Amino acid sequence: MKLVLATSNKGKAREITVMYSDFEVIPYSELISPFEIIEDAPDFKGNALIKARAVYKALGDEEAIVFSDDSGISVEVLDGAPGVFSARYGGEEASDRDNLEKLMREVKKKGFSSSPAFYTAAIAIVCKEGEYTTHGWMYGDVVTEPRGDGGFGYDPCFVPKGYDKTLGELDDGVKSKLSHRSQALANAKPVLGVIRKMRER
């Protein structure tokens, strides 16, 4: 069964492809030209649905199963920021490094060298059978000195609960077991199984 990913983020696409090896995973940009999607929902679930609906409509293929993800980090001392603005925290054209550096700078401004934080991931699936969403979370602390060059996004400054290394230092095998996205993806698998059975009738 084909899954069309409503993302151009290579890190996310790679992570989803690894977890969904029993599906044919295709970034939507391989089927149609990439286009701008305005993500203006107040929460991750809403933004994931916006992306999946937009790509499903643009494909014009009723049989398509579109799969999207919206995720981000919420930091306690920043009153939950950056939250849904995680991907553009450092500005509209911000790189991962820009976002990371702003986050660490803002935590330092509050007079802290670390803070409790958590990642949220929301998965949306849009297809002719309906619309479905799942979630996953990962808790820990952010630190103000980046460590490690693995992963992407805020990984070099996030230390998962129960560990003393950042996600940037942990190997992919450990990270995949902890990841908020891995949890949301695992929760979405049964949904895809139901869709598959509905199509096999």
N, C-alpha and C. Protein backbone atom coordinates (compact mmCIF):
# COMPACT_ATOMS: atom_id res chain seq x y z
N MET A 1 0.84 -1.19 0.00
CA MET A 1 0.00 0.00 0.00
C MET A 1 0.88 1.25 0.00
N LYS A 2 0.54 2.21 -0.85
CA LYS A 2 1.32 3.43 -0.95
C LYS A 2 0.87 4.46 0.08
N LEU A 3 1.86 5.14 0.67
CA LEU A 3 1.60 6.28 1.54
C LEU A 3 2.27 7.49 0.93
N VAL A 4 1.52 8.54 0.73
CA VAL A 4 2.09 9.78 0.20
C VAL A 4 2.36 10.71 1.38
N LEU A 5 3.62 11.09 1.56
CA LEU A 5 4.00 11.95 2.68
C LEU A 5 3.81 13.42 2.32
N ALA A 6 3.09 14.12 3.18
CA ALA A 6 2.88 15.56 2.97
C ALA A 6 3.98 16.33 3.67
N THR A 7 5.23 16.07 3.29
CA THR A 7 6.36 16.77 3.89
C THR A 7 7.50 16.89 2.89
N SER A 8 8.28 17.93 3.06
CA SER A 8 9.51 18.08 2.28
C SER A 8 10.71 17.99 3.22
N ASN A 9 10.46 17.70 4.51
CA ASN A 9 11.53 17.58 5.50
C ASN A 9 12.18 16.21 5.35
N LYS A 10 13.44 16.19 4.93
CA LYS A 10 14.12 14.93 4.64
C LYS A 10 14.32 14.08 5.89
N GLY A 11 14.56 14.74 7.02
CA GLY A 11 14.74 14.01 8.27
C GLY A 11 13.48 13.25 8.66
N LYS A 12 12.34 13.92 8.55
CA LYS A 12 11.07 13.28 8.86
C LYS A 12 10.77 12.15 7.88
N ALA A 13 11.00 12.41 6.60
CA ALA A 13 10.73 11.39 5.58
C ALA A 13 11.56 10.14 5.82
N ARG A 14 12.82 10.33 6.20
CA ARG A 14 13.71 9.20 6.46
C ARG A 14 13.21 8.38 7.66
N GLU A 15 12.82 9.08 8.72
CA GLU A 15 12.35 8.40 9.93
C GLU A 15 11.07 7.61 9.65
N ILE A 16 10.15 8.19 8.89
CA ILE A 16 8.89 7.51 8.57
C ILE A 16 9.15 6.30 7.68
N THR A 17 10.04 6.45 6.70
CA THR A 17 10.35 5.35 5.78
C THR A 17 10.93 4.15 6.53
N VAL A 18 11.79 4.41 7.51
CA VAL A 18 12.40 3.33 8.30
C VAL A 18 11.34 2.57 9.08
N MET A 19 10.41 3.29 9.71
CA MET A 19 9.38 2.65 10.54
C MET A 19 8.29 1.96 9.71
N TYR A 20 8.12 2.42 8.48
CA TYR A 20 7.04 1.89 7.64
C TYR A 20 7.61 1.14 6.44
N SER A 21 8.56 0.26 6.71
CA SER A 21 9.23 -0.48 5.64
C SER A 21 8.28 -1.42 4.89
N ASP A 22 7.13 -1.74 5.51
CA ASP A 22 6.17 -2.62 4.83
C ASP A 22 5.19 -1.85 3.95
N PHE A 23 5.40 -0.54 3.83
CA PHE A 23 4.59 0.30 2.93
C PHE A 23 5.51 0.95 1.91
N GLU A 24 4.94 1.34 0.80
CA GLU A 24 5.69 2.13 -0.18
C GLU A 24 5.47 3.60 0.18
N VAL A 25 6.52 4.25 0.68
CA VAL A 25 6.41 5.62 1.17
C VAL A 25 6.96 6.58 0.12
N ILE A 26 6.13 7.52 -0.31
CA ILE A 26 6.51 8.45 -1.38
C ILE A 26 6.28 9.90 -0.94
N PRO A 27 7.33 10.73 -0.92
CA PRO A 27 7.12 12.15 -0.65
C PRO A 27 6.24 12.75 -1.75
N TYR A 28 5.32 13.60 -1.39
CA TYR A 28 4.39 14.14 -2.39
C TYR A 28 5.11 14.91 -3.49
N SER A 29 6.30 15.45 -3.18
CA SER A 29 7.05 16.22 -4.17
C SER A 29 7.53 15.37 -5.33
N GLU A 30 7.46 14.03 -5.20
CA GLU A 30 7.82 13.15 -6.32
C GLU A 30 6.64 12.95 -7.27
N LEU A 31 5.46 13.40 -6.84
CA LEU A 31 4.25 13.21 -7.64
C LEU A 31 3.72 14.52 -8.24
N ILE A 32 3.85 15.60 -7.47
CA ILE A 32 3.41 16.92 -7.93
C ILE A 32 4.43 17.96 -7.47
N SER A 33 4.37 19.13 -8.06
CA SER A 33 5.30 20.20 -7.66
C SER A 33 4.99 20.65 -6.23
N PRO A 34 6.03 20.84 -5.41
CA PRO A 34 5.81 21.33 -4.04
C PRO A 34 5.09 22.68 -4.07
N PHE A 35 4.25 22.90 -3.09
CA PHE A 35 3.52 24.16 -3.01
C PHE A 35 3.42 24.61 -1.56
N GLU A 36 3.16 25.88 -1.37
CA GLU A 36 3.09 26.42 -0.01
C GLU A 36 1.79 26.02 0.66
N ILE A 37 1.90 25.59 1.92
CA ILE A 37 0.73 25.25 2.73
C ILE A 37 0.78 26.12 3.98
N ILE A 38 -0.25 26.89 4.19
CA ILE A 38 -0.30 27.77 5.35
C ILE A 38 -0.77 26.97 6.57
N GLU A 39 0.13 26.81 7.51
CA GLU A 39 -0.19 26.06 8.73
C GLU A 39 -0.56 27.05 9.83
N ASP A 40 -1.85 27.34 9.96
CA ASP A 40 -2.28 28.37 10.90
C ASP A 40 -3.20 27.85 12.00
N ALA A 41 -3.17 26.56 12.23
CA ALA A 41 -3.97 25.98 13.32
C ALA A 41 -3.27 26.26 14.66
N PRO A 42 -4.01 26.28 15.76
CA PRO A 42 -3.41 26.56 17.06
C PRO A 42 -2.74 25.36 17.72
N ASP A 43 -2.85 24.18 17.08
CA ASP A 43 -2.24 22.99 17.68
C ASP A 43 -1.65 22.09 16.60
N PHE A 44 -0.86 21.11 17.05
CA PHE A 44 -0.17 20.21 16.12
C PHE A 44 -1.15 19.37 15.31
N LYS A 45 -2.19 18.88 15.94
CA LYS A 45 -3.19 18.07 15.25
C LYS A 45 -3.81 18.85 14.09
N GLY A 46 -4.18 20.10 14.35
CA GLY A 46 -4.80 20.93 13.33
C GLY A 46 -3.88 21.17 12.15
N ASN A 47 -2.59 21.43 12.43
CA ASN A 47 -1.64 21.68 11.35
C ASN A 47 -1.35 20.41 10.54
N ALA A 48 -1.30 19.27 11.21
CA ALA A 48 -1.10 18.01 10.49
C ALA A 48 -2.27 17.75 9.53
N LEU A 49 -3.47 18.02 10.00
CA LEU A 49 -4.65 17.84 9.14
C LEU A 49 -4.65 18.81 7.97
N ILE A 50 -4.26 20.06 8.21
CA ILE A 50 -4.20 21.06 7.14
C ILE A 50 -3.28 20.56 6.02
N LYS A 51 -2.11 20.05 6.39
CA LYS A 51 -1.15 19.58 5.39
C LYS A 51 -1.68 18.36 4.62
N ALA A 52 -2.22 17.41 5.35
CA ALA A 52 -2.71 16.19 4.70
C ALA A 52 -3.88 16.50 3.77
N ARG A 53 -4.80 17.35 4.22
CA ARG A 53 -5.95 17.71 3.37
C ARG A 53 -5.50 18.43 2.11
N ALA A 54 -4.53 19.36 2.26
CA ALA A 54 -4.07 20.14 1.12
C ALA A 54 -3.42 19.26 0.07
N VAL A 55 -2.57 18.32 0.51
CA VAL A 55 -1.89 17.44 -0.43
C VAL A 55 -2.87 16.46 -1.07
N TYR A 56 -3.80 15.93 -0.29
CA TYR A 56 -4.81 15.02 -0.83
C TYR A 56 -5.61 15.70 -1.94
N LYS A 57 -6.02 16.93 -1.69
CA LYS A 57 -6.79 17.69 -2.68
C LYS A 57 -5.95 17.98 -3.93
N ALA A 58 -4.68 18.38 -3.70
CA ALA A 58 -3.81 18.73 -4.83
C ALA A 58 -3.48 17.52 -5.70
N LEU A 59 -3.38 16.35 -5.11
CA LEU A 59 -3.07 15.14 -5.89
C LEU A 59 -4.20 14.80 -6.85
N GLY A 60 -5.43 15.07 -6.45
CA GLY A 60 -6.58 14.75 -7.30
C GLY A 60 -6.75 13.26 -7.53
N ASP A 61 -6.28 12.46 -6.60
CA ASP A 61 -6.36 11.00 -6.72
C ASP A 61 -7.16 10.48 -5.54
N GLU A 62 -8.38 10.03 -5.80
CA GLU A 62 -9.25 9.56 -4.72
C GLU A 62 -8.65 8.39 -3.97
N GLU A 63 -7.82 7.60 -4.62
CA GLU A 63 -7.25 6.41 -3.99
C GLU A 63 -6.03 6.71 -3.12
N ALA A 64 -5.55 7.93 -3.16
CA ALA A 64 -4.35 8.29 -2.41
C ALA A 64 -4.59 8.19 -0.90
N ILE A 65 -3.55 7.80 -0.18
CA ILE A 65 -3.55 7.85 1.28
C ILE A 65 -2.45 8.82 1.66
N VAL A 66 -2.84 9.96 2.17
CA VAL A 66 -1.87 11.01 2.49
C VAL A 66 -1.60 11.03 3.99
N PHE A 67 -0.34 11.09 4.31
CA PHE A 67 0.15 10.92 5.67
C PHE A 67 0.98 12.16 6.02
N SER A 68 0.62 12.86 7.07
CA SER A 68 1.39 14.06 7.44
C SER A 68 1.71 14.06 8.92
N ASP A 69 2.69 14.86 9.25
CA ASP A 69 3.14 14.96 10.63
C ASP A 69 3.34 16.42 10.98
N ASP A 70 2.97 16.80 12.18
CA ASP A 70 3.36 18.12 12.68
C ASP A 70 3.90 17.91 14.08
N SER A 71 5.03 18.51 14.34
CA SER A 71 5.66 18.26 15.63
C SER A 71 6.45 19.47 16.08
N GLY A 72 6.79 19.48 17.35
CA GLY A 72 7.56 20.59 17.87
C GLY A 72 7.89 20.38 19.33
N ILE A 73 8.58 21.35 19.88
CA ILE A 73 9.04 21.27 21.25
C ILE A 73 8.41 22.39 22.08
N SER A 74 8.06 22.08 23.31
CA SER A 74 7.48 23.06 24.24
C SER A 74 8.37 23.12 25.47
N VAL A 75 8.78 24.32 25.84
CA VAL A 75 9.74 24.51 26.93
C VAL A 75 9.07 25.21 28.11
N GLU A 76 9.21 24.63 29.29
CA GLU A 76 8.50 25.11 30.48
C GLU A 76 8.82 26.57 30.79
N VAL A 77 10.12 26.94 30.84
CA VAL A 77 10.46 28.31 31.23
C VAL A 77 10.10 29.34 30.15
N LEU A 78 9.76 28.86 28.96
CA LEU A 78 9.33 29.76 27.88
C LEU A 78 7.81 29.72 27.72
N ASP A 79 7.13 29.27 28.78
CA ASP A 79 5.66 29.19 28.79
C ASP A 79 5.11 28.36 27.63
N GLY A 80 5.83 27.29 27.29
CA GLY A 80 5.36 26.39 26.24
C GLY A 80 5.86 26.71 24.85
N ALA A 81 6.57 27.81 24.69
CA ALA A 81 7.16 28.15 23.39
C ALA A 81 8.33 27.20 23.11
N PRO A 82 8.70 27.01 21.84
CA PRO A 82 8.07 27.55 20.64
C PRO A 82 6.80 26.83 20.18
N GLY A 83 6.52 25.62 20.68
CA GLY A 83 5.28 24.94 20.34
C GLY A 83 5.06 24.78 18.85
N VAL A 84 3.89 25.20 18.37
CA VAL A 84 3.57 25.03 16.95
C VAL A 84 4.45 25.88 16.04
N PHE A 85 5.21 26.80 16.65
CA PHE A 85 6.12 27.64 15.85
C PHE A 85 7.54 27.09 15.83
N SER A 86 7.74 25.85 16.27
CA SER A 86 9.07 25.26 16.38
C SER A 86 9.88 25.32 15.09
N ALA A 87 9.23 25.06 13.95
CA ALA A 87 9.95 25.01 12.67
C ALA A 87 10.37 26.39 12.18
N ARG A 88 9.75 27.43 12.71
CA ARG A 88 10.09 28.79 12.26
C ARG A 88 10.33 29.73 13.44
N TYR A 89 10.82 29.17 14.53
CA TYR A 89 11.06 29.95 15.76
C TYR A 89 12.06 31.07 15.53
N GLY A 90 13.07 30.80 14.71
CA GLY A 90 14.10 31.81 14.45
C GLY A 90 13.77 32.74 13.30
N GLY A 91 12.54 32.64 12.74
CA GLY A 91 12.13 33.46 11.60
C GLY A 91 11.62 32.58 10.48
N GLU A 92 10.91 33.16 9.54
CA GLU A 92 10.29 32.40 8.45
C GLU A 92 11.29 31.59 7.62
N GLU A 93 12.49 32.13 7.44
CA GLU A 93 13.50 31.44 6.63
C GLU A 93 14.57 30.79 7.51
N ALA A 94 14.24 30.57 8.77
CA ALA A 94 15.23 30.06 9.73
C ALA A 94 15.68 28.64 9.40
N SER A 95 16.95 28.37 9.63
CA SER A 95 17.49 27.01 9.50
C SER A 95 17.33 26.31 10.85
N ASP A 96 17.58 25.00 10.87
CA ASP A 96 17.54 24.27 12.13
C ASP A 96 18.47 24.92 13.15
N ARG A 97 19.64 25.36 12.69
CA ARG A 97 20.63 25.96 13.60
C ARG A 97 20.11 27.29 14.16
N ASP A 98 19.46 28.07 13.31
CA ASP A 98 18.89 29.35 13.77
C ASP A 98 17.86 29.11 14.87
N ASN A 99 17.00 28.13 14.66
CA ASN A 99 15.97 27.82 15.65
C ASN A 99 16.59 27.34 16.96
N LEU A 100 17.56 26.45 16.84
CA LEU A 100 18.25 25.90 18.01
C LEU A 100 18.91 27.01 18.83
N GLU A 101 19.63 27.89 18.14
CA GLU A 101 20.35 28.96 18.83
C GLU A 101 19.39 29.94 19.51
N LYS A 102 18.26 30.22 18.87
CA LYS A 102 17.29 31.12 19.50
C LYS A 102 16.71 30.48 20.75
N LEU A 103 16.40 29.21 20.68
CA LEU A 103 15.83 28.52 21.84
C LEU A 103 16.80 28.58 23.02
N MET A 104 18.04 28.26 22.78
CA MET A 104 19.03 28.27 23.87
C MET A 104 19.22 29.69 24.40
N ARG A 105 19.21 30.66 23.51
CA ARG A 105 19.36 32.07 23.91
C ARG A 105 18.20 32.52 24.80
N GLU A 106 16.98 32.13 24.43
CA GLU A 106 15.80 32.54 25.19
C GLU A 106 15.78 31.89 26.58
N VAL A 107 16.22 30.65 26.67
CA VAL A 107 16.29 29.98 27.97
C VAL A 107 17.33 30.69 28.85
N LYS A 108 18.47 31.05 28.27
CA LYS A 108 19.50 31.77 29.02
C LYS A 108 18.99 33.11 29.50
N LYS A 109 18.21 33.79 28.69
CA LYS A 109 17.65 35.10 29.07
C LYS A 109 16.80 35.01 30.34
N LYS A 110 16.18 33.84 30.54
CA LYS A 110 15.34 33.62 31.72
C LYS A 110 16.19 33.30 32.95
N GLY A 111 17.50 33.18 32.74
CA GLY A 111 18.40 32.90 33.85
C GLY A 111 18.60 31.42 34.15
N PHE A 112 18.28 30.57 33.16
CA PHE A 112 18.41 29.13 33.36
C PHE A 112 19.42 28.53 32.40
N SER A 113 20.04 27.42 32.82
CA SER A 113 20.93 26.68 31.93
C SER A 113 20.24 25.42 31.39
N SER A 114 19.07 25.12 31.96
CA SER A 114 18.26 24.00 31.46
C SER A 114 16.82 24.22 31.88
N SER A 115 15.92 23.49 31.26
CA SER A 115 14.49 23.60 31.61
C SER A 115 13.76 22.33 31.20
N PRO A 116 12.77 21.90 32.00
CA PRO A 116 11.92 20.80 31.56
C PRO A 116 11.26 21.17 30.22
N ALA A 117 11.10 20.18 29.36
CA ALA A 117 10.52 20.41 28.04
C ALA A 117 9.94 19.10 27.53
N PHE A 118 9.13 19.19 26.49
CA PHE A 118 8.63 17.97 25.87
C PHE A 118 8.37 18.20 24.39
N TYR A 119 8.53 17.13 23.65
CA TYR A 119 8.20 17.11 22.23
C TYR A 119 6.80 16.54 22.05
N THR A 120 6.08 17.06 21.08
CA THR A 120 4.79 16.51 20.67
C THR A 120 4.85 16.19 19.18
N ALA A 121 4.27 15.07 18.80
CA ALA A 121 4.11 14.75 17.38
C ALA A 121 2.65 14.38 17.14
N ALA A 122 2.08 14.94 16.10
CA ALA A 122 0.73 14.58 15.67
C ALA A 122 0.81 14.04 14.25
N ILE A 123 0.16 12.92 14.02
CA ILE A 123 0.09 12.30 12.70
C ILE A 123 -1.34 12.45 12.18
N ALA A 124 -1.48 12.84 10.92
CA ALA A 124 -2.80 12.89 10.29
C ALA A 124 -2.79 12.00 9.05
N ILE A 125 -3.86 11.27 8.86
CA ILE A 125 -4.04 10.43 7.68
C ILE A 125 -5.35 10.87 7.01
N VAL A 126 -5.25 11.22 5.74
CA VAL A 126 -6.44 11.63 4.99
C VAL A 126 -6.57 10.74 3.76
N CYS A 127 -7.73 10.13 3.61
CA CYS A 127 -7.99 9.26 2.47
C CYS A 127 -9.50 9.18 2.26
N LYS A 128 -9.94 8.43 1.27
CA LYS A 128 -11.37 8.37 0.98
C LYS A 128 -12.16 7.73 2.13
N GLU A 129 -11.46 6.94 2.96
CA GLU A 129 -12.14 6.29 4.09
C GLU A 129 -12.40 7.25 5.25
N GLY A 130 -11.69 8.38 5.28
CA GLY A 130 -11.90 9.34 6.35
C GLY A 130 -10.63 10.08 6.75
N GLU A 131 -10.69 10.75 7.89
CA GLU A 131 -9.55 11.47 8.44
C GLU A 131 -9.25 10.91 9.83
N TYR A 132 -7.96 10.67 10.11
CA TYR A 132 -7.56 10.05 11.37
C TYR A 132 -6.33 10.76 11.92
N THR A 133 -6.22 10.83 13.26
CA THR A 133 -5.04 11.44 13.87
C THR A 133 -4.56 10.60 15.05
N THR A 134 -3.24 10.64 15.28
CA THR A 134 -2.65 10.00 16.46
C THR A 134 -1.59 10.95 17.01
N HIS A 135 -1.18 10.70 18.26
CA HIS A 135 -0.18 11.56 18.91
C HIS A 135 0.91 10.72 19.59
N GLY A 136 2.03 11.38 19.86
CA GLY A 136 3.10 10.80 20.66
C GLY A 136 3.84 11.93 21.38
N TRP A 137 4.42 11.61 22.54
CA TRP A 137 5.14 12.64 23.31
C TRP A 137 6.47 12.08 23.81
N MET A 138 7.43 12.98 24.03
CA MET A 138 8.71 12.62 24.64
C MET A 138 9.10 13.73 25.61
N TYR A 139 9.38 13.33 26.85
CA TYR A 139 9.67 14.31 27.91
C TYR A 139 11.16 14.31 28.25
N GLY A 140 11.62 15.44 28.76
CA GLY A 140 13.02 15.56 29.16
C GLY A 140 13.35 17.00 29.52
N ASP A 141 14.57 17.41 29.20
CA ASP A 141 15.03 18.77 29.49
C ASP A 141 15.79 19.33 28.30
N VAL A 142 15.69 20.65 28.11
CA VAL A 142 16.56 21.31 27.15
C VAL A 142 17.74 21.90 27.90
N VAL A 143 18.91 21.90 27.26
CA VAL A 143 20.12 22.50 27.82
C VAL A 143 20.56 23.63 26.91
N THR A 144 21.39 24.49 27.43
CA THR A 144 21.76 25.69 26.66
C THR A 144 23.12 25.58 25.98
N GLU A 145 23.70 24.38 26.00
CA GLU A 145 24.94 24.13 25.25
C GLU A 145 24.69 22.91 24.37
N PRO A 146 24.70 23.07 23.06
CA PRO A 146 24.40 21.93 22.17
C PRO A 146 25.46 20.85 22.25
N ARG A 147 25.02 19.59 22.17
CA ARG A 147 25.96 18.47 22.22
C ARG A 147 25.54 17.43 21.18
N GLY A 148 26.50 16.99 20.39
CA GLY A 148 26.25 15.96 19.38
C GLY A 148 25.78 16.56 18.06
N ASP A 149 26.04 15.82 17.00
CA ASP A 149 25.64 16.30 15.67
C ASP A 149 24.72 15.33 14.96
N GLY A 150 24.12 14.41 15.72
CA GLY A 150 23.15 13.49 15.15
C GLY A 150 21.77 14.11 15.14
N GLY A 151 20.85 13.46 14.45
CA GLY A 151 19.47 13.94 14.42
C GLY A 151 19.32 15.24 13.65
N PHE A 152 18.28 15.99 13.99
CA PHE A 152 18.03 17.27 13.33
C PHE A 152 17.19 18.13 14.26
N GLY A 153 16.93 19.37 13.86
CA GLY A 153 16.11 20.26 14.66
C GLY A 153 16.74 20.59 16.00
N TYR A 154 15.99 20.39 17.07
CA TYR A 154 16.44 20.74 18.42
C TYR A 154 17.16 19.58 19.11
N ASP A 155 17.43 18.50 18.40
CA ASP A 155 18.02 17.31 19.02
C ASP A 155 19.30 17.57 19.82
N PRO A 156 20.21 18.45 19.36
CA PRO A 156 21.45 18.64 20.12
C PRO A 156 21.27 19.31 21.50
N CYS A 157 20.08 19.85 21.78
CA CYS A 157 19.90 20.48 23.09
C CYS A 157 18.83 19.79 23.93
N PHE A 158 18.33 18.64 23.49
CA PHE A 158 17.27 17.96 24.24
C PHE A 158 17.80 16.67 24.86
N VAL A 159 17.68 16.56 26.19
CA VAL A 159 18.09 15.37 26.92
C VAL A 159 16.83 14.62 27.36
N PRO A 160 16.57 13.44 26.81
CA PRO A 160 15.36 12.69 27.19
C PRO A 160 15.39 12.26 28.65
N LYS A 161 14.24 12.17 29.25
CA LYS A 161 14.11 11.74 30.64
C LYS A 161 14.76 10.37 30.82
N GLY A 162 15.61 10.26 31.85
CA GLY A 162 16.29 9.00 32.13
C GLY A 162 17.63 8.85 31.45
N TYR A 163 18.03 9.85 30.67
CA TYR A 163 19.32 9.81 29.95
C TYR A 163 20.17 11.02 30.32
N ASP A 164 21.48 10.91 30.07
CA ASP A 164 22.36 12.06 30.31
C ASP A 164 22.97 12.58 29.01
N LYS A 165 22.55 11.99 27.90
CA LYS A 165 23.01 12.44 26.58
C LYS A 165 21.87 13.11 25.84
N THR A 166 22.22 14.04 24.95
CA THR A 166 21.19 14.67 24.12
C THR A 166 20.80 13.73 22.99
N LEU A 167 19.70 14.06 22.33
CA LEU A 167 19.30 13.27 21.15
C LEU A 167 20.35 13.36 20.06
N GLY A 168 21.11 14.44 20.06
CA GLY A 168 22.18 14.60 19.08
C GLY A 168 23.34 13.66 19.33
N GLU A 169 23.44 13.14 20.57
CA GLU A 169 24.53 12.21 20.93
C GLU A 169 24.09 10.75 20.91
N LEU A 170 22.79 10.50 21.11
CA LEU A 170 22.29 9.13 21.17
C LEU A 170 22.22 8.51 19.77
N ASP A 171 22.45 7.20 19.69
CA ASP A 171 22.38 6.58 18.36
C ASP A 171 20.93 6.42 17.92
N ASP A 172 20.75 6.21 16.64
CA ASP A 172 19.41 6.20 16.05
C ASP A 172 18.51 5.12 16.65
N GLY A 173 19.11 3.99 17.02
CA GLY A 173 18.32 2.90 17.57
C GLY A 173 17.66 3.28 18.89
N VAL A 174 18.44 3.95 19.75
CA VAL A 174 17.90 4.40 21.04
C VAL A 174 16.87 5.49 20.81
N LYS A 175 17.21 6.43 19.95
CA LYS A 175 16.32 7.56 19.68
C LYS A 175 14.97 7.09 19.12
N SER A 176 15.02 6.09 18.25
CA SER A 176 13.77 5.64 17.61
C SER A 176 12.81 5.04 18.63
N LYS A 177 13.35 4.47 19.72
CA LYS A 177 12.49 3.90 20.76
C LYS A 177 11.86 4.98 21.63
N LEU A 178 12.54 6.12 21.75
CA LEU A 178 12.09 7.20 22.63
C LEU A 178 11.23 8.22 21.91
N SER A 179 11.48 8.39 20.65
CA SER A 179 10.94 9.50 19.86
C SER A 179 9.43 9.66 19.94
N HIS A 180 9.02 10.90 20.10
CA HIS A 180 7.60 11.27 20.05
C HIS A 180 7.00 10.87 18.71
N ARG A 181 7.77 11.06 17.63
CA ARG A 181 7.27 10.70 16.31
C ARG A 181 7.15 9.18 16.17
N SER A 182 8.11 8.45 16.73
CA SER A 182 8.03 6.98 16.69
C SER A 182 6.77 6.49 17.39
N GLN A 183 6.45 7.12 18.53
CA GLN A 183 5.23 6.73 19.25
C GLN A 183 3.98 7.03 18.43
N ALA A 184 3.94 8.23 17.84
CA ALA A 184 2.78 8.60 17.02
C ALA A 184 2.67 7.69 15.80
N LEU A 185 3.81 7.35 15.20
CA LEU A 185 3.82 6.46 14.05
C LEU A 185 3.35 5.06 14.43
N ALA A 186 3.80 4.58 15.60
CA ALA A 186 3.36 3.27 16.06
C ALA A 186 1.85 3.26 16.30
N ASN A 187 1.33 4.35 16.83
CA ASN A 187 -0.11 4.45 17.08
C ASN A 187 -0.91 4.53 15.78
N ALA A 188 -0.27 5.02 14.72
CA ALA A 188 -0.96 5.15 13.43
C ALA A 188 -0.99 3.84 12.64
N LYS A 189 -0.09 2.92 12.95
CA LYS A 189 -0.03 1.66 12.19
C LYS A 189 -1.35 0.88 12.22
N PRO A 190 -1.99 0.74 13.39
CA PRO A 190 -3.27 0.03 13.39
C PRO A 190 -4.34 0.71 12.52
N VAL A 191 -4.29 2.04 12.46
CA VAL A 191 -5.23 2.78 11.61
C VAL A 191 -5.02 2.40 10.15
N LEU A 192 -3.75 2.35 9.74
CA LEU A 192 -3.44 1.98 8.36
C LEU A 192 -3.84 0.52 8.09
N GLY A 193 -3.70 -0.31 9.12
CA GLY A 193 -4.12 -1.70 8.98
C GLY A 193 -5.62 -1.82 8.72
N VAL A 194 -6.40 -1.00 9.40
CA VAL A 194 -7.84 -0.99 9.19
C VAL A 194 -8.19 -0.50 7.79
N ILE A 195 -7.48 0.56 7.34
CA ILE A 195 -7.72 1.08 5.99
C ILE A 195 -7.39 0.01 4.95
N ARG A 196 -6.30 -0.71 5.17
CA ARG A 196 -5.89 -1.77 4.24
C ARG A 196 -6.98 -2.84 4.16
N LYS A 197 -7.50 -3.25 5.30
CA LYS A 197 -8.55 -4.29 5.31
C LYS A 197 -9.82 -3.79 4.62
N MET A 198 -10.16 -2.51 4.82
CA MET A 198 -11.33 -1.95 4.16
C MET A 198 -11.17 -1.99 2.65
N ARG A 199 -9.95 -1.79 2.17
CA ARG A 199 -9.70 -1.78 0.72
C ARG A 199 -9.62 -3.17 0.13
N GLU A 200 -9.36 -4.15 0.98
CA GLU A 200 -9.25 -5.53 0.49
C GLU A 200 -10.60 -6.22 0.41
N ARG A 201 -11.65 -5.60 0.93
CA ARG A 201 -12.97 -6.23 0.92
C ARG A 201 -13.50 -6.41 -0.50
